[in-house]
Amino acid sequence: MSTMSQLKSIAARSQATLLQDAAGVAALIVMLVVGLHLPAFI
């Protein structure tokens, strides 16, 4: 099984939670950026 076909099958199986996972990743990135810039505001 090639890598691309494995990625396609993983994406097909997890399509229901893909949007929630993307929102979680975006939230983590926002928290990281805010946390890194917080000392500049204090």
PDB file of N, CA and C in Angstrom:
ATOM      1  N   MET A   1       0.854  -1.175   0.000  1.00  0.00           N
ATOM      2  CA  MET A   1       0.000   0.000   0.000  1.00  0.00           C
ATOM      3  C   MET A   1       0.903   1.244   0.000  1.00  0.00           C
ATOM      4  N   SER A   2       0.652   2.136  -0.928  1.00  0.00           N
ATOM      5  CA  SER A   2       1.498   3.320  -1.026  1.00  0.00           C
ATOM      6  C   SER A   2       1.094   4.362   0.019  1.00  0.00           C
ATOM      7  N   THR A   3       1.973   5.310   0.190  1.00  0.00           N
ATOM      8  CA  THR A   3       1.740   6.344   1.195  1.00  0.00           C
ATOM      9  C   THR A   3       0.513   7.176   0.858  1.00  0.00           C
ATOM     10  N   MET A   4       0.357   7.515  -0.402  1.00  0.00           N
ATOM     11  CA  MET A   4      -0.790   8.338  -0.801  1.00  0.00           C
ATOM     12  C   MET A   4      -2.110   7.612  -0.568  1.00  0.00           C
ATOM     13  N   SER A   5      -2.160   6.339  -0.866  1.00  0.00           N
ATOM     14  CA  SER A   5      -3.402   5.604  -0.647  1.00  0.00           C
ATOM     15  C   SER A   5      -3.691   5.453   0.840  1.00  0.00           C
ATOM     16  N   GLN A   6      -2.661   5.322   1.656  1.00  0.00           N
ATOM     17  CA  GLN A   6      -2.860   5.280   3.099  1.00  0.00           C
ATOM     18  C   GLN A   6      -3.408   6.608   3.610  1.00  0.00           C
ATOM     19  N   LEU A   7      -2.855   7.719   3.130  1.00  0.00           N
ATOM     20  CA  LEU A   7      -3.338   9.037   3.540  1.00  0.00           C
ATOM     21  C   LEU A   7      -4.784   9.252   3.113  1.00  0.00           C
ATOM     22  N   LYS A   8      -5.122   8.804   1.915  1.00  0.00           N
ATOM     23  CA  LYS A   8      -6.499   8.946   1.433  1.00  0.00           C
ATOM     24  C   LYS A   8      -7.468   8.124   2.281  1.00  0.00           C
ATOM     25  N   SER A   9      -7.063   6.919   2.651  1.00  0.00           N
ATOM     26  CA  SER A   9      -7.959   6.084   3.456  1.00  0.00           C
ATOM     27  C   SER A   9      -8.100   6.654   4.873  1.00  0.00           C
ATOM     28  N   ILE A  10      -7.029   7.219   5.422  1.00  0.00           N
ATOM     29  CA  ILE A  10      -7.112   7.847   6.737  1.00  0.00           C
ATOM     30  C   ILE A  10      -8.035   9.052   6.684  1.00  0.00           C
ATOM     31  N   ALA A  11      -7.909   9.875   5.653  1.00  0.00           N
ATOM     32  CA  ALA A  11      -8.765  11.049   5.512  1.00  0.00           C
ATOM     33  C   ALA A  11     -10.223  10.653   5.324  1.00  0.00           C
ATOM     34  N   ALA A  12     -10.465   9.577   4.612  1.00  0.00           N
ATOM     35  CA  ALA A  12     -11.842   9.123   4.394  1.00  0.00           C
ATOM     36  C   ALA A  12     -12.460   8.607   5.692  1.00  0.00           C
ATOM     37  N   ARG A  13     -11.669   7.906   6.505  1.00  0.00           N
ATOM     38  CA  ARG A  13     -12.199   7.364   7.757  1.00  0.00           C
ATOM     39  C   ARG A  13     -12.442   8.452   8.794  1.00  0.00           C
ATOM     40  N   SER A  14     -11.624   9.498   8.784  1.00  0.00           N
ATOM     41  CA  SER A  14     -11.734  10.522   9.832  1.00  0.00           C
ATOM     42  C   SER A  14     -12.411  11.794   9.334  1.00  0.00           C
ATOM     43  N   GLN A  15     -13.151  11.702   8.270  1.00  0.00           N
ATOM     44  CA  GLN A  15     -13.777  12.886   7.686  1.00  0.00           C
ATOM     45  C   GLN A  15     -14.790  13.527   8.634  1.00  0.00           C
ATOM     46  N   ALA A  16     -15.410  12.745   9.488  1.00  0.00           N
ATOM     47  CA  ALA A  16     -16.431  13.273  10.395  1.00  0.00           C
ATOM     48  C   ALA A  16     -15.825  14.221  11.428  1.00  0.00           C
ATOM     49  N   THR A  17     -14.620  13.960  11.857  1.00  0.00           N
ATOM     50  CA  THR A  17     -14.008  14.783  12.906  1.00  0.00           C
ATOM     51  C   THR A  17     -12.924  15.706  12.368  1.00  0.00           C
ATOM     52  N   LEU A  18     -12.750  15.753  11.074  1.00  0.00           N
ATOM     53  CA  LEU A  18     -11.677  16.551  10.480  1.00  0.00           C
ATOM     54  C   LEU A  18     -11.840  18.032  10.779  1.00  0.00           C
ATOM     55  N   LEU A  19     -13.048  18.550  10.719  1.00  0.00           N
ATOM     56  CA  LEU A  19     -13.291  19.966  10.991  1.00  0.00           C
ATOM     57  C   LEU A  19     -13.034  20.293  12.460  1.00  0.00           C
ATOM     58  N   GLN A  20     -13.447  19.415  13.347  1.00  0.00           N
ATOM     59  CA  GLN A  20     -13.199  19.628  14.774  1.00  0.00           C
ATOM     60  C   GLN A  20     -11.704  19.592  15.078  1.00  0.00           C
ATOM     61  N   ASP A  21     -10.993  18.687  14.443  1.00  0.00           N
ATOM     62  CA  ASP A  21      -9.545  18.606  14.653  1.00  0.00           C
ATOM     63  C   ASP A  21      -8.849  19.865  14.141  1.00  0.00           C
ATOM     64  N   ALA A  22      -9.286  20.370  12.997  1.00  0.00           N
ATOM     65  CA  ALA A  22      -8.700  21.591  12.445  1.00  0.00           C
ATOM     66  C   ALA A  22      -8.978  22.782  13.354  1.00  0.00           C
ATOM     67  N   ALA A  23     -10.177  22.844  13.927  1.00  0.00           N
ATOM     68  CA  ALA A  23     -10.499  23.925  14.857  1.00  0.00           C
ATOM     69  C   ALA A  23      -9.654  23.824  16.124  1.00  0.00           C
ATOM     70  N   GLY A  24      -9.401  22.620  16.585  1.00  0.00           N
ATOM     71  CA  GLY A  24      -8.553  22.419  17.754  1.00  0.00           C
ATOM     72  C   GLY A  24      -7.121  22.844  17.502  1.00  0.00           C
ATOM     73  N   VAL A  25      -6.603  22.515  16.331  1.00  0.00           N
ATOM     74  CA  VAL A  25      -5.241  22.920  15.972  1.00  0.00           C
ATOM     75  C   VAL A  25      -5.152  24.435  15.877  1.00  0.00           C
ATOM     76  N   ALA A  26      -6.155  25.068  15.287  1.00  0.00           N
ATOM     77  CA  ALA A  26      -6.156  26.532  15.181  1.00  0.00           C
ATOM     78  C   ALA A  26      -6.203  27.170  16.564  1.00  0.00           C
ATOM     79  N   ALA A  27      -6.990  26.606  17.472  1.00  0.00           N
ATOM     80  CA  ALA A  27      -7.070  27.142  18.828  1.00  0.00           C
ATOM     81  C   ALA A  27      -5.733  27.008  19.550  1.00  0.00           C
ATOM     82  N   LEU A  28      -5.056  25.886  19.368  1.00  0.00           N
ATOM     83  CA  LEU A  28      -3.744  25.700  19.992  1.00  0.00           C
ATOM     84  C   LEU A  28      -2.724  26.695  19.454  1.00  0.00           C
ATOM     85  N   ILE A  29      -2.767  26.964  18.159  1.00  0.00           N
ATOM     86  CA  ILE A  29      -1.836  27.927  17.565  1.00  0.00           C
ATOM     87  C   ILE A  29      -2.107  29.324  18.099  1.00  0.00           C
ATOM     88  N   VAL A  30      -3.378  29.691  18.217  1.00  0.00           N
ATOM     89  CA  VAL A  30      -3.726  31.004  18.762  1.00  0.00           C
ATOM     90  C   VAL A  30      -3.243  31.128  20.204  1.00  0.00           C
ATOM     91  N   MET A  31      -3.458  30.092  21.010  1.00  0.00           N
ATOM     92  CA  MET A  31      -3.003  30.144  22.396  1.00  0.00           C
ATOM     93  C   MET A  31      -1.483  30.241  22.489  1.00  0.00           C
ATOM     94  N   LEU A  32      -0.778  29.553  21.598  1.00  0.00           N
ATOM     95  CA  LEU A  32       0.679  29.617  21.593  1.00  0.00           C
ATOM     96  C   LEU A  32       1.164  31.015  21.242  1.00  0.00           C
ATOM     97  N   VAL A  33       0.575  31.618  20.211  1.00  0.00           N
ATOM     98  CA  VAL A  33       0.989  32.960  19.799  1.00  0.00           C
ATOM     99  C   VAL A  33       0.683  33.966  20.889  1.00  0.00           C
ATOM    100  N   VAL A  34      -0.492  33.889  21.496  1.00  0.00           N
ATOM    101  CA  VAL A  34      -0.854  34.805  22.576  1.00  0.00           C
ATOM    102  C   VAL A  34       0.075  34.601  23.772  1.00  0.00           C
ATOM    103  N   GLY A  35       0.362  33.361  24.104  1.00  0.00           N
ATOM    104  CA  GLY A  35       1.247  33.083  25.227  1.00  0.00           C
ATOM    105  C   GLY A  35       2.659  33.597  25.003  1.00  0.00           C
ATOM    106  N   LEU A  36       3.126  33.527  23.778  1.00  0.00           N
ATOM    107  CA  LEU A  36       4.480  34.007  23.479  1.00  0.00           C
ATOM    108  C   LEU A  36       4.550  35.536  23.466  1.00  0.00           C
ATOM    109  N   HIS A  37       3.451  36.198  23.136  1.00  0.00           N
ATOM    110  CA  HIS A  37       3.442  37.653  23.078  1.00  0.00           C
ATOM    111  C   HIS A  37       2.975  38.299  24.385  1.00  0.00           C
ATOM    112  N   LEU A  38       2.496  37.509  25.315  1.00  0.00           N
ATOM    113  CA  LEU A  38       1.969  38.046  26.568  1.00  0.00           C
ATOM    114  C   LEU A  38       3.007  38.825  27.390  1.00  0.00           C
ATOM    115  N   PRO A  39       4.244  38.383  27.489  1.00  0.00           N
ATOM    116  CA  PRO A  39       5.221  39.168  28.259  1.00  0.00           C
ATOM    117  C   PRO A  39       5.465  40.568  27.700  1.00  0.00           C
ATOM    118  N   ALA A  40       5.227  40.773  26.429  1.00  0.00           N
ATOM    119  CA  ALA A  40       5.422  42.100  25.839  1.00  0.00           C
ATOM    120  C   ALA A  40       4.338  43.066  26.295  1.00  0.00           C
ATOM    121  N   PHE A  41       3.173  42.549  26.683  1.00  0.00           N
ATOM    122  CA  PHE A  41       2.063  43.414  27.106  1.00  0.00           C
ATOM    123  C   PHE A  41       2.121  43.769  28.583  1.00  0.00           C
ATOM    124  N   ILE A  42       2.871  42.995  29.349  1.00  0.00           N
ATOM    125  CA  ILE A  42       2.909  43.202  30.800  1.00  0.00           C
ATOM    126  C   ILE A  42       4.070  44.086  31.175  1.00  0.00           C
TER     127      ILE A  42
END
